[in-house]
Amino acid sequence: MWTLFIPEISIAEKMLRSGVVYLFLLLAFRFTGKRQVGQLTPFDLVVLLIISNVVQNAVIGNDVSLGGGLIGAVTILALNYGVTEVTYRSKRARRLLEAQPTLLIHNGRILQENLRRERITLDELLAALRRNGLVEPAQARYAVLEENGGISVIPWPAESQPPLLNQAGGPSARSEP
């Protein structure tokens, strides 16, 4: 009965394994981009499930004891708490470990290079505009890909909104309700 709680590998090895896997995943998700973390597609979910299964073996090693699993979990939770504290207190660590917002639309103009770099499609950007009640990019003063993967849209103030552009690039008639 008590053998259920006794790890089959040393506690130090269990903590080291958990820590290395945690740091690897932290850095891997940091550098894969904001979109992947904030907007999981079915493909992303499959990849995440496969990664969790693969790294599980690296964390547990030959140990399948309850105690070993609890030690690994406590180690990962403690590391996560530590990283959260460090990023809260240190601007340098925050810049290194957390993504920065990316401007996608500036003064109604789509920044194509930023879309490409962040792997955001035009359809995804247009969907974010529609969710915010806008029809065209020209109606947005700014659109920002946030650190969490969401897109914030800031429309033009009503009094300074430029005219809508039609497909040919010229002003279109705006019908007021």
N, C-alpha and C. Protein backbone atom coordinates (compact mmCIF):
# COMPACT_ATOMS: atom_id res chain seq x y z
N MET A 1 0.82 -1.20 0.00
CA MET A 1 0.00 0.00 0.00
C MET A 1 0.86 1.26 0.00
N TRP A 2 1.86 1.32 0.90
CA TRP A 2 2.69 2.52 0.99
C TRP A 2 3.61 2.66 -0.20
N THR A 3 3.89 1.57 -0.91
CA THR A 3 4.75 1.66 -2.10
C THR A 3 4.11 2.49 -3.19
N LEU A 4 2.81 2.66 -3.12
CA LEU A 4 2.08 3.49 -4.07
C LEU A 4 2.59 4.94 -4.03
N PHE A 5 3.04 5.38 -2.85
CA PHE A 5 3.46 6.77 -2.67
C PHE A 5 4.97 6.98 -2.83
N ILE A 6 5.74 5.92 -2.91
CA ILE A 6 7.20 6.04 -2.96
C ILE A 6 7.66 6.06 -4.41
N PRO A 7 8.28 7.17 -4.86
CA PRO A 7 8.75 7.25 -6.24
C PRO A 7 9.81 6.19 -6.54
N GLU A 8 9.81 5.71 -7.78
CA GLU A 8 10.77 4.71 -8.20
C GLU A 8 12.09 5.34 -8.64
N ILE A 9 12.11 6.65 -8.85
CA ILE A 9 13.35 7.37 -9.15
C ILE A 9 13.54 8.41 -8.06
N SER A 10 14.73 8.97 -7.98
CA SER A 10 15.00 9.93 -6.90
C SER A 10 14.13 11.17 -7.04
N ILE A 11 13.84 11.78 -5.92
CA ILE A 11 13.03 13.01 -5.92
C ILE A 11 13.73 14.09 -6.73
N ALA A 12 15.06 14.19 -6.61
CA ALA A 12 15.81 15.20 -7.36
C ALA A 12 15.65 14.97 -8.86
N GLU A 13 15.74 13.73 -9.31
CA GLU A 13 15.57 13.44 -10.74
C GLU A 13 14.15 13.77 -11.19
N LYS A 14 13.17 13.44 -10.37
CA LYS A 14 11.78 13.74 -10.71
C LYS A 14 11.57 15.24 -10.86
N MET A 15 12.14 16.02 -9.92
CA MET A 15 12.02 17.48 -9.99
C MET A 15 12.78 18.04 -11.19
N LEU A 16 13.95 17.50 -11.48
CA LEU A 16 14.73 17.96 -12.64
C LEU A 16 13.98 17.67 -13.94
N ARG A 17 13.46 16.48 -14.08
CA ARG A 17 12.71 16.12 -15.28
C ARG A 17 11.51 17.06 -15.47
N SER A 18 10.76 17.28 -14.41
CA SER A 18 9.59 18.15 -14.49
C SER A 18 9.99 19.57 -14.85
N GLY A 19 11.06 20.06 -14.23
CA GLY A 19 11.51 21.42 -14.49
C GLY A 19 11.99 21.62 -15.92
N VAL A 20 12.75 20.68 -16.43
CA VAL A 20 13.26 20.79 -17.80
C VAL A 20 12.10 20.78 -18.80
N VAL A 21 11.14 19.89 -18.62
CA VAL A 21 10.00 19.83 -19.53
C VAL A 21 9.18 21.11 -19.44
N TYR A 22 8.96 21.62 -18.23
CA TYR A 22 8.21 22.87 -18.05
C TYR A 22 8.89 24.03 -18.79
N LEU A 23 10.19 24.18 -18.59
CA LEU A 23 10.92 25.27 -19.24
C LEU A 23 10.92 25.11 -20.75
N PHE A 24 11.07 23.88 -21.24
CA PHE A 24 11.03 23.65 -22.68
C PHE A 24 9.67 24.08 -23.25
N LEU A 25 8.58 23.64 -22.62
CA LEU A 25 7.25 23.98 -23.13
C LEU A 25 6.98 25.48 -23.02
N LEU A 26 7.43 26.11 -21.94
CA LEU A 26 7.26 27.55 -21.78
C LEU A 26 7.91 28.29 -22.94
N LEU A 27 9.14 27.95 -23.24
CA LEU A 27 9.85 28.60 -24.34
C LEU A 27 9.25 28.23 -25.70
N ALA A 28 8.87 26.98 -25.86
CA ALA A 28 8.30 26.54 -27.14
C ALA A 28 7.01 27.30 -27.45
N PHE A 29 6.13 27.42 -26.47
CA PHE A 29 4.89 28.15 -26.71
C PHE A 29 5.11 29.64 -26.83
N ARG A 30 6.13 30.16 -26.17
CA ARG A 30 6.44 31.59 -26.28
C ARG A 30 6.86 31.93 -27.71
N PHE A 31 7.63 31.05 -28.33
CA PHE A 31 8.17 31.36 -29.65
C PHE A 31 7.33 30.83 -30.80
N THR A 32 6.24 30.13 -30.53
CA THR A 32 5.37 29.69 -31.62
C THR A 32 4.37 30.77 -32.02
N GLY A 33 4.27 31.82 -31.26
CA GLY A 33 3.39 32.93 -31.64
C GLY A 33 2.15 33.03 -30.78
N LYS A 34 1.58 34.24 -30.78
CA LYS A 34 0.40 34.52 -29.96
C LYS A 34 -0.83 33.79 -30.47
N ARG A 35 -0.96 33.67 -31.76
CA ARG A 35 -2.15 33.08 -32.34
C ARG A 35 -2.35 31.65 -31.85
N GLN A 36 -1.30 30.86 -31.84
CA GLN A 36 -1.43 29.46 -31.46
C GLN A 36 -1.93 29.31 -30.04
N VAL A 37 -1.51 30.17 -29.15
CA VAL A 37 -1.94 30.04 -27.76
C VAL A 37 -3.36 30.55 -27.57
N GLY A 38 -3.73 31.63 -28.25
CA GLY A 38 -5.03 32.25 -28.01
C GLY A 38 -6.17 31.66 -28.80
N GLN A 39 -5.90 31.03 -29.94
CA GLN A 39 -6.97 30.55 -30.80
C GLN A 39 -6.66 29.13 -31.25
N LEU A 40 -7.03 28.15 -30.46
CA LEU A 40 -6.76 26.77 -30.82
C LEU A 40 -7.72 26.28 -31.89
N THR A 41 -7.17 25.81 -32.99
CA THR A 41 -7.96 25.14 -34.01
C THR A 41 -7.98 23.66 -33.67
N PRO A 42 -8.82 22.86 -34.33
CA PRO A 42 -8.77 21.41 -34.06
C PRO A 42 -7.36 20.82 -34.30
N PHE A 43 -6.67 21.30 -35.32
CA PHE A 43 -5.31 20.83 -35.58
C PHE A 43 -4.39 21.17 -34.41
N ASP A 44 -4.49 22.40 -33.90
CA ASP A 44 -3.67 22.81 -32.77
C ASP A 44 -3.96 21.95 -31.54
N LEU A 45 -5.22 21.61 -31.33
CA LEU A 45 -5.59 20.78 -30.19
C LEU A 45 -4.97 19.39 -30.30
N VAL A 46 -4.99 18.82 -31.51
CA VAL A 46 -4.37 17.51 -31.72
C VAL A 46 -2.87 17.58 -31.42
N VAL A 47 -2.21 18.61 -31.91
CA VAL A 47 -0.78 18.78 -31.65
C VAL A 47 -0.52 18.90 -30.16
N LEU A 48 -1.34 19.68 -29.47
CA LEU A 48 -1.18 19.85 -28.02
C LEU A 48 -1.36 18.53 -27.27
N LEU A 49 -2.34 17.74 -27.68
CA LEU A 49 -2.55 16.44 -27.03
C LEU A 49 -1.38 15.49 -27.29
N ILE A 50 -0.85 15.51 -28.49
CA ILE A 50 0.29 14.65 -28.80
C ILE A 50 1.52 15.10 -28.01
N ILE A 51 1.75 16.40 -27.94
CA ILE A 51 2.88 16.91 -27.17
C ILE A 51 2.75 16.50 -25.71
N SER A 52 1.55 16.61 -25.15
CA SER A 52 1.37 16.24 -23.74
C SER A 52 1.68 14.76 -23.52
N ASN A 53 1.32 13.93 -24.45
CA ASN A 53 1.60 12.50 -24.31
C ASN A 53 3.10 12.23 -24.43
N VAL A 54 3.76 12.89 -25.37
CA VAL A 54 5.20 12.68 -25.58
C VAL A 54 6.00 13.17 -24.37
N VAL A 55 5.70 14.36 -23.87
CA VAL A 55 6.49 14.88 -22.75
C VAL A 55 6.14 14.20 -21.44
N GLN A 56 4.99 13.56 -21.37
CA GLN A 56 4.64 12.81 -20.15
C GLN A 56 5.72 11.76 -19.87
N ASN A 57 6.17 11.08 -20.90
CA ASN A 57 7.20 10.07 -20.73
C ASN A 57 8.50 10.69 -20.23
N ALA A 58 8.81 11.88 -20.70
CA ALA A 58 10.03 12.56 -20.25
C ALA A 58 9.91 12.96 -18.78
N VAL A 59 8.73 13.30 -18.34
CA VAL A 59 8.53 13.72 -16.94
C VAL A 59 8.55 12.53 -16.00
N ILE A 60 7.85 11.47 -16.35
CA ILE A 60 7.71 10.37 -15.39
C ILE A 60 8.87 9.38 -15.42
N GLY A 61 9.58 9.27 -16.55
CA GLY A 61 10.66 8.28 -16.64
C GLY A 61 10.09 6.89 -16.39
N ASN A 62 10.76 6.10 -15.56
CA ASN A 62 10.29 4.75 -15.23
C ASN A 62 9.34 4.75 -14.04
N ASP A 63 9.04 5.92 -13.51
CA ASP A 63 8.26 6.04 -12.28
C ASP A 63 6.78 6.20 -12.59
N VAL A 64 5.97 5.30 -12.09
CA VAL A 64 4.52 5.43 -12.25
C VAL A 64 3.82 5.50 -10.90
N SER A 65 4.57 5.88 -9.86
CA SER A 65 3.98 5.95 -8.52
C SER A 65 3.16 7.21 -8.35
N LEU A 66 2.22 7.16 -7.45
CA LEU A 66 1.39 8.32 -7.11
C LEU A 66 2.26 9.43 -6.53
N GLY A 67 3.16 9.07 -5.65
CA GLY A 67 4.06 10.06 -5.05
C GLY A 67 4.91 10.76 -6.09
N GLY A 68 5.43 10.00 -7.06
CA GLY A 68 6.23 10.60 -8.13
C GLY A 68 5.42 11.57 -8.97
N GLY A 69 4.18 11.20 -9.26
CA GLY A 69 3.31 12.10 -10.02
C GLY A 69 3.01 13.38 -9.27
N LEU A 70 2.77 13.24 -7.96
CA LEU A 70 2.50 14.43 -7.13
C LEU A 70 3.72 15.33 -7.03
N ILE A 71 4.91 14.73 -6.92
CA ILE A 71 6.14 15.52 -6.87
C ILE A 71 6.32 16.29 -8.18
N GLY A 72 6.07 15.62 -9.30
CA GLY A 72 6.17 16.29 -10.60
C GLY A 72 5.18 17.43 -10.72
N ALA A 73 3.95 17.21 -10.28
CA ALA A 73 2.91 18.25 -10.36
C ALA A 73 3.26 19.44 -9.48
N VAL A 74 3.71 19.17 -8.25
CA VAL A 74 4.08 20.26 -7.34
C VAL A 74 5.26 21.04 -7.91
N THR A 75 6.23 20.35 -8.51
CA THR A 75 7.38 21.03 -9.11
C THR A 75 6.93 21.96 -10.23
N ILE A 76 6.06 21.48 -11.10
CA ILE A 76 5.58 22.31 -12.21
C ILE A 76 4.77 23.49 -11.69
N LEU A 77 3.91 23.27 -10.71
CA LEU A 77 3.13 24.38 -10.14
C LEU A 77 4.04 25.41 -9.47
N ALA A 78 5.07 24.95 -8.77
CA ALA A 78 6.01 25.88 -8.12
C ALA A 78 6.79 26.69 -9.16
N LEU A 79 7.23 26.02 -10.21
CA LEU A 79 7.93 26.74 -11.28
C LEU A 79 7.01 27.77 -11.93
N ASN A 80 5.76 27.39 -12.18
CA ASN A 80 4.83 28.32 -12.79
C ASN A 80 4.59 29.54 -11.89
N TYR A 81 4.45 29.30 -10.59
CA TYR A 81 4.30 30.40 -9.65
C TYR A 81 5.53 31.30 -9.69
N GLY A 82 6.71 30.69 -9.72
CA GLY A 82 7.96 31.47 -9.77
C GLY A 82 8.07 32.30 -11.03
N VAL A 83 7.74 31.71 -12.17
CA VAL A 83 7.80 32.45 -13.43
C VAL A 83 6.80 33.60 -13.42
N THR A 84 5.60 33.35 -12.88
CA THR A 84 4.59 34.41 -12.79
C THR A 84 5.08 35.56 -11.92
N GLU A 85 5.69 35.24 -10.79
CA GLU A 85 6.23 36.28 -9.90
C GLU A 85 7.34 37.08 -10.58
N VAL A 86 8.25 36.37 -11.24
CA VAL A 86 9.38 37.04 -11.90
C VAL A 86 8.88 37.97 -13.00
N THR A 87 7.93 37.50 -13.82
CA THR A 87 7.43 38.35 -14.90
C THR A 87 6.60 39.51 -14.36
N TYR A 88 5.98 39.34 -13.20
CA TYR A 88 5.23 40.43 -12.59
C TYR A 88 6.18 41.52 -12.10
N ARG A 89 7.30 41.12 -11.53
CA ARG A 89 8.23 42.06 -10.91
C ARG A 89 9.29 42.61 -11.86
N SER A 90 9.59 41.92 -12.95
CA SER A 90 10.69 42.32 -13.82
C SER A 90 10.19 42.61 -15.24
N LYS A 91 10.38 43.85 -15.67
CA LYS A 91 9.98 44.22 -17.02
C LYS A 91 10.83 43.47 -18.05
N ARG A 92 12.10 43.27 -17.77
CA ARG A 92 12.98 42.56 -18.68
C ARG A 92 12.51 41.12 -18.87
N ALA A 93 12.18 40.43 -17.78
CA ALA A 93 11.69 39.06 -17.86
C ALA A 93 10.35 39.00 -18.59
N ARG A 94 9.50 39.99 -18.36
CA ARG A 94 8.19 40.05 -19.02
C ARG A 94 8.37 40.16 -20.52
N ARG A 95 9.31 41.02 -20.96
CA ARG A 95 9.55 41.17 -22.40
C ARG A 95 10.10 39.89 -23.00
N LEU A 96 10.92 39.16 -22.24
CA LEU A 96 11.52 37.93 -22.74
C LEU A 96 10.51 36.78 -22.81
N LEU A 97 9.67 36.65 -21.79
CA LEU A 97 8.78 35.49 -21.68
C LEU A 97 7.37 35.71 -22.20
N GLU A 98 6.94 36.95 -22.29
CA GLU A 98 5.58 37.21 -22.75
C GLU A 98 5.62 37.93 -24.09
N ALA A 99 4.66 37.61 -24.93
CA ALA A 99 4.57 38.22 -26.25
C ALA A 99 4.15 39.69 -26.11
N GLN A 100 4.50 40.48 -27.11
CA GLN A 100 4.10 41.88 -27.16
C GLN A 100 2.93 42.03 -28.14
N PRO A 101 2.06 43.00 -27.92
CA PRO A 101 0.97 43.24 -28.87
C PRO A 101 1.54 43.61 -30.25
N THR A 102 0.81 43.22 -31.30
CA THR A 102 1.24 43.52 -32.67
C THR A 102 0.13 44.27 -33.38
N LEU A 103 0.47 45.40 -33.97
CA LEU A 103 -0.48 46.21 -34.71
C LEU A 103 -0.79 45.52 -36.05
N LEU A 104 -2.07 45.31 -36.33
CA LEU A 104 -2.50 44.67 -37.58
C LEU A 104 -3.14 45.66 -38.55
N ILE A 105 -3.82 46.67 -37.98
CA ILE A 105 -4.40 47.76 -38.78
C ILE A 105 -3.98 49.06 -38.13
N HIS A 106 -3.51 49.99 -38.95
CA HIS A 106 -3.14 51.32 -38.45
C HIS A 106 -3.81 52.35 -39.34
N ASN A 107 -4.67 53.18 -38.76
CA ASN A 107 -5.41 54.21 -39.49
C ASN A 107 -6.12 53.65 -40.71
N GLY A 108 -6.78 52.50 -40.52
CA GLY A 108 -7.60 51.91 -41.58
C GLY A 108 -6.83 51.11 -42.60
N ARG A 109 -5.51 51.04 -42.49
CA ARG A 109 -4.68 50.32 -43.46
C ARG A 109 -4.18 49.02 -42.83
N ILE A 110 -4.35 47.93 -43.55
CA ILE A 110 -3.89 46.63 -43.07
C ILE A 110 -2.37 46.56 -43.21
N LEU A 111 -1.71 46.13 -42.15
CA LEU A 111 -0.25 45.96 -42.16
C LEU A 111 0.04 44.51 -42.53
N GLN A 112 0.19 44.27 -43.84
CA GLN A 112 0.34 42.92 -44.38
C GLN A 112 1.53 42.17 -43.78
N GLU A 113 2.65 42.87 -43.60
CA GLU A 113 3.85 42.22 -43.07
C GLU A 113 3.59 41.68 -41.65
N ASN A 114 2.86 42.45 -40.84
CA ASN A 114 2.55 41.99 -39.48
C ASN A 114 1.58 40.80 -39.51
N LEU A 115 0.63 40.80 -40.46
CA LEU A 115 -0.26 39.65 -40.61
C LEU A 115 0.55 38.40 -40.95
N ARG A 116 1.48 38.54 -41.90
CA ARG A 116 2.30 37.39 -42.29
C ARG A 116 3.16 36.89 -41.13
N ARG A 117 3.79 37.82 -40.43
CA ARG A 117 4.67 37.44 -39.32
C ARG A 117 3.91 36.70 -38.22
N GLU A 118 2.68 37.13 -37.95
CA GLU A 118 1.88 36.52 -36.88
C GLU A 118 1.00 35.38 -37.38
N ARG A 119 1.05 35.10 -38.69
CA ARG A 119 0.27 34.02 -39.31
C ARG A 119 -1.23 34.22 -39.11
N ILE A 120 -1.67 35.45 -39.30
CA ILE A 120 -3.09 35.79 -39.24
C ILE A 120 -3.58 35.97 -40.67
N THR A 121 -4.63 35.27 -41.04
CA THR A 121 -5.15 35.41 -42.39
C THR A 121 -6.06 36.64 -42.47
N LEU A 122 -6.27 37.11 -43.68
CA LEU A 122 -7.17 38.24 -43.88
C LEU A 122 -8.58 37.88 -43.42
N ASP A 123 -8.99 36.64 -43.64
CA ASP A 123 -10.32 36.20 -43.20
C ASP A 123 -10.46 36.30 -41.68
N GLU A 124 -9.42 35.91 -40.95
CA GLU A 124 -9.46 36.00 -39.48
C GLU A 124 -9.54 37.45 -39.02
N LEU A 125 -8.80 38.32 -39.69
CA LEU A 125 -8.84 39.74 -39.34
C LEU A 125 -10.22 40.33 -39.64
N LEU A 126 -10.77 40.00 -40.79
CA LEU A 126 -12.10 40.51 -41.15
C LEU A 126 -13.17 39.98 -40.18
N ALA A 127 -13.02 38.74 -39.73
CA ALA A 127 -13.97 38.19 -38.75
C ALA A 127 -13.89 38.97 -37.44
N ALA A 128 -12.69 39.34 -37.02
CA ALA A 128 -12.53 40.14 -35.79
C ALA A 128 -13.18 41.51 -35.97
N LEU A 129 -13.06 42.10 -37.15
CA LEU A 129 -13.71 43.39 -37.41
C LEU A 129 -15.23 43.24 -37.31
N ARG A 130 -15.77 42.18 -37.92
CA ARG A 130 -17.22 41.96 -37.87
C ARG A 130 -17.71 41.76 -36.45
N ARG A 131 -16.93 41.03 -35.63
CA ARG A 131 -17.32 40.82 -34.23
C ARG A 131 -17.40 42.15 -33.48
N ASN A 132 -16.70 43.15 -33.99
CA ASN A 132 -16.71 44.47 -33.36
C ASN A 132 -17.62 45.45 -34.10
N GLY A 133 -18.47 44.93 -34.98
CA GLY A 133 -19.46 45.77 -35.65
C GLY A 133 -18.92 46.57 -36.82
N LEU A 134 -17.76 46.22 -37.35
CA LEU A 134 -17.19 46.93 -38.48
C LEU A 134 -17.25 46.06 -39.72
N VAL A 135 -17.37 46.70 -40.88
CA VAL A 135 -17.51 45.97 -42.13
C VAL A 135 -16.19 45.93 -42.90
N GLU A 136 -15.46 47.03 -42.89
CA GLU A 136 -14.24 47.14 -43.67
C GLU A 136 -13.07 47.58 -42.79
N PRO A 137 -11.85 47.23 -43.19
CA PRO A 137 -10.68 47.66 -42.42
C PRO A 137 -10.58 49.19 -42.30
N ALA A 138 -11.06 49.91 -43.30
CA ALA A 138 -10.98 51.38 -43.26
C ALA A 138 -11.77 51.96 -42.09
N GLN A 139 -12.71 51.21 -41.54
CA GLN A 139 -13.51 51.68 -40.41
C GLN A 139 -12.75 51.56 -39.08
N ALA A 140 -11.63 50.85 -39.11
CA ALA A 140 -10.86 50.63 -37.87
C ALA A 140 -9.69 51.60 -37.81
N ARG A 141 -9.57 52.29 -36.72
CA ARG A 141 -8.39 53.12 -36.51
C ARG A 141 -7.19 52.21 -36.23
N TYR A 142 -7.43 51.22 -35.35
CA TYR A 142 -6.39 50.23 -35.02
C TYR A 142 -7.03 48.86 -34.86
N ALA A 143 -6.26 47.84 -35.17
CA ALA A 143 -6.57 46.47 -34.78
C ALA A 143 -5.25 45.90 -34.25
N VAL A 144 -5.32 45.28 -33.08
CA VAL A 144 -4.11 44.83 -32.40
C VAL A 144 -4.26 43.35 -32.03
N LEU A 145 -3.25 42.56 -32.39
CA LEU A 145 -3.18 41.19 -31.91
C LEU A 145 -2.58 41.24 -30.52
N GLU A 146 -3.38 40.86 -29.53
CA GLU A 146 -2.95 40.96 -28.13
C GLU A 146 -2.07 39.78 -27.74
N GLU A 147 -1.47 39.87 -26.55
CA GLU A 147 -0.58 38.83 -26.05
C GLU A 147 -1.28 37.49 -25.91
N ASN A 148 -2.57 37.51 -25.65
CA ASN A 148 -3.33 36.27 -25.43
C ASN A 148 -3.88 35.68 -26.72
N GLY A 149 -3.59 36.30 -27.86
CA GLY A 149 -4.05 35.79 -29.15
C GLY A 149 -5.33 36.41 -29.64
N GLY A 150 -6.01 37.20 -28.82
CA GLY A 150 -7.23 37.88 -29.25
C GLY A 150 -6.90 39.12 -30.06
N ILE A 151 -7.84 39.55 -30.87
CA ILE A 151 -7.66 40.76 -31.68
C ILE A 151 -8.58 41.85 -31.13
N SER A 152 -7.97 42.95 -30.69
CA SER A 152 -8.72 44.12 -30.22
C SER A 152 -8.87 45.09 -31.39
N VAL A 153 -10.06 45.65 -31.52
CA VAL A 153 -10.33 46.58 -32.61
C VAL A 153 -10.77 47.91 -32.01
N ILE A 154 -10.12 48.99 -32.45
CA ILE A 154 -10.48 50.33 -32.01
C ILE A 154 -10.99 51.08 -33.23
N PRO A 155 -12.30 51.36 -33.28
CA PRO A 155 -12.84 52.06 -34.45
C PRO A 155 -12.49 53.55 -34.42
N TRP A 156 -12.65 54.18 -35.55
CA TRP A 156 -12.49 55.63 -35.61
C TRP A 156 -13.59 56.27 -34.77
N PRO A 157 -13.31 57.41 -34.16
CA PRO A 157 -14.40 58.16 -33.52
C PRO A 157 -15.43 58.53 -34.59
N ALA A 158 -16.70 58.55 -34.23
CA ALA A 158 -17.78 58.76 -35.20
C ALA A 158 -17.58 60.03 -36.02
N GLU A 159 -17.08 61.09 -35.40
CA GLU A 159 -16.95 62.36 -36.12
C GLU A 159 -15.75 62.40 -37.07
N SER A 160 -14.80 61.49 -36.91
CA SER A 160 -13.61 61.54 -37.78
C SER A 160 -13.44 60.29 -38.63
N GLN A 161 -14.49 59.48 -38.74
CA GLN A 161 -14.39 58.24 -39.50
C GLN A 161 -14.28 58.54 -40.98
N PRO A 162 -13.30 57.93 -41.67
CA PRO A 162 -13.16 58.18 -43.10
C PRO A 162 -14.28 57.48 -43.87
N PRO A 163 -14.54 57.91 -45.12
CA PRO A 163 -15.59 57.24 -45.91
C PRO A 163 -15.18 55.81 -46.22
N LEU A 164 -16.18 54.93 -46.34
CA LEU A 164 -15.91 53.54 -46.71
C LEU A 164 -15.41 53.48 -48.14
N LEU A 165 -14.54 52.53 -48.42
CA LEU A 165 -14.04 52.35 -49.77
C LEU A 165 -14.75 51.16 -50.40
N ASN A 166 -15.11 51.30 -51.69
CA ASN A 166 -15.71 50.17 -52.37
C ASN A 166 -14.61 49.27 -52.94
N GLN A 167 -14.98 48.22 -53.66
CA GLN A 167 -14.01 47.26 -54.18
C GLN A 167 -12.98 47.94 -55.08
N ALA A 168 -13.37 48.96 -55.82
CA ALA A 168 -12.46 49.63 -56.75
C ALA A 168 -11.55 50.62 -56.04
N GLY A 169 -11.73 50.80 -54.76
CA GLY A 169 -10.85 51.70 -54.00
C GLY A 169 -11.41 53.10 -53.81
N GLY A 170 -12.57 53.39 -54.37
CA GLY A 170 -13.16 54.71 -54.23
C GLY A 170 -14.17 54.74 -53.11
N PRO A 171 -14.63 55.93 -52.71
CA PRO A 171 -15.64 56.02 -51.65
C PRO A 171 -16.92 55.31 -52.04
N SER A 172 -17.56 54.68 -51.09
CA SER A 172 -18.85 54.04 -51.35
C SER A 172 -19.94 54.80 -50.62
N ALA A 173 -21.15 54.64 -51.09
CA ALA A 173 -22.27 55.30 -50.43
C ALA A 173 -22.53 54.63 -49.10
N ARG A 174 -22.66 55.41 -48.08
CA ARG A 174 -22.94 54.89 -46.75
C ARG A 174 -24.41 55.13 -46.46
N SER A 175 -25.11 54.06 -46.16
CA SER A 175 -26.52 54.21 -45.86
C SER A 175 -26.68 54.29 -44.36
N GLU A 176 -27.23 55.35 -43.91
CA GLU A 176 -27.47 55.57 -42.48
C GLU A 176 -28.82 55.01 -42.12
N PRO A 177 -28.95 54.30 -41.01
CA PRO A 177 -30.26 53.75 -40.62
C PRO A 177 -31.21 54.83 -40.18
